[in-house]
Amino acid sequence: MSGSSARRRALRELSDPDAPITPLGDCTANERNESLYALLPRTQAVADGIEGGTTLVLGYDAETNTYLVSPKHAVEEADDHWASNFYEGNL
């Protein structure tokens, strides 16, 4: 899947109330060394193989003012991941 079609898919899923996006509740942004970070719920993070030191891929969609975060291994394992185009040739 091309980067543009993956982006369209991500946007469609973000705007579709029946899409497989699971709200995980609220979190608070924390600041450390001029960086902001937010905590992922431990149960969900562990289920997705995320632990301290896991490389995460961050994206931002200006049209929906939405940040997207995925573990890098998810990008490597899925051809149609929203970040696949960014990492094409870099994995």
Protein backbone atom coordinates (compact mmCIF):
# COMPACT_ATOMS: atom_id res chain seq x y z
CA MET A 1 0.00 0.00 0.00
CA SER A 2 1.37 3.39 -0.90
CA GLY A 3 1.94 6.05 1.73
CA SER A 4 -0.95 8.15 0.41
CA SER A 5 -3.42 5.26 0.50
CA ALA A 6 -2.21 4.28 3.98
CA ARG A 7 -2.73 7.88 5.08
CA ARG A 8 -6.26 7.90 3.62
CA ARG A 9 -7.00 4.65 5.45
CA ALA A 10 -5.75 6.11 8.74
CA LEU A 11 -7.84 9.25 8.26
CA ARG A 12 -10.92 7.20 7.40
CA GLU A 13 -10.49 5.09 10.51
CA LEU A 14 -9.98 8.15 12.70
CA SER A 15 -13.22 9.72 11.49
CA ASP A 16 -15.34 6.53 11.42
CA PRO A 17 -17.05 5.79 14.75
CA ASP A 18 -17.29 2.11 13.76
CA ALA A 19 -13.59 1.83 12.90
CA PRO A 20 -11.34 -0.46 14.93
CA ILE A 21 -9.86 2.37 17.00
CA THR A 22 -10.15 1.79 20.72
CA PRO A 23 -10.27 4.87 22.95
CA LEU A 24 -7.83 4.37 25.82
CA GLY A 25 -8.93 7.23 28.05
CA ASP A 26 -7.17 10.39 29.11
CA CYS A 27 -3.53 10.89 29.98
CA THR A 28 -1.45 13.86 31.03
CA ALA A 29 1.50 15.17 29.06
CA ASN A 30 4.64 15.31 31.19
CA GLU A 31 7.77 17.33 30.51
CA ARG A 32 11.35 16.16 30.86
CA ASN A 33 14.49 17.59 29.29
CA GLU A 34 12.55 19.83 26.90
CA SER A 35 10.45 16.89 25.64
CA LEU A 36 6.80 16.19 26.25
CA TYR A 37 5.59 12.65 26.68
CA ALA A 38 2.39 10.91 27.65
CA LEU A 39 2.01 7.57 29.29
CA LEU A 40 0.35 4.64 27.58
CA PRO A 41 -1.89 2.47 29.72
CA ARG A 42 0.34 -0.38 30.93
CA THR A 43 -2.11 -3.18 30.09
CA GLN A 44 -2.46 -2.08 26.47
CA ALA A 45 1.23 -1.27 26.07
CA VAL A 46 2.31 -4.69 27.35
CA ALA A 47 -0.24 -6.39 25.10
CA ASP A 48 1.34 -4.57 22.13
CA GLY A 49 4.90 -5.46 23.14
CA ILE A 50 5.77 -1.94 24.28
CA GLU A 51 8.06 -1.54 27.26
CA GLY A 52 10.63 1.01 28.39
CA GLY A 53 13.09 1.62 25.57
CA THR A 54 10.79 0.38 22.77
CA THR A 55 11.22 2.50 19.63
CA LEU A 56 7.94 4.17 18.72
CA VAL A 57 6.96 5.80 15.43
CA LEU A 58 5.21 9.15 15.78
CA GLY A 59 3.02 10.76 13.15
CA TYR A 60 0.84 13.83 13.02
CA ASP A 61 -2.13 14.46 10.77
CA ALA A 62 -2.79 18.20 10.43
CA GLU A 63 -6.24 17.68 8.89
CA THR A 64 -7.57 15.96 12.00
CA ASN A 65 -5.11 17.45 14.54
CA THR A 66 -4.31 13.87 15.55
CA TYR A 67 -1.08 12.28 16.71
CA LEU A 68 -0.48 8.65 15.78
CA VAL A 69 1.94 6.46 17.71
CA SER A 70 2.92 2.88 16.91
CA PRO A 71 5.74 0.58 17.96
CA LYS A 72 8.31 0.45 15.16
CA HIS A 73 8.01 -3.34 14.98
CA ALA A 74 4.35 -2.87 13.94
CA VAL A 75 5.50 -0.82 10.94
CA GLU A 76 8.03 -3.49 10.01
CA GLU A 77 5.42 -6.25 10.21
CA ALA A 78 2.59 -4.58 8.21
CA ASP A 79 2.77 -3.56 4.57
CA ASP A 80 -0.19 -1.21 4.91
CA HIS A 81 0.83 0.59 8.12
CA TRP A 82 0.37 4.38 8.02
CA ALA A 83 4.13 4.85 8.55
CA SER A 84 5.28 2.30 5.96
CA ASN A 85 6.03 4.95 3.33
CA PHE A 86 8.22 6.89 5.77
CA TYR A 87 10.29 3.81 6.60
CA GLU A 88 10.36 2.37 3.08
CA GLY A 89 13.98 1.46 2.45
CA ASN A 90 14.98 2.39 6.00
CA LEU A 91 13.96 -0.79 7.81
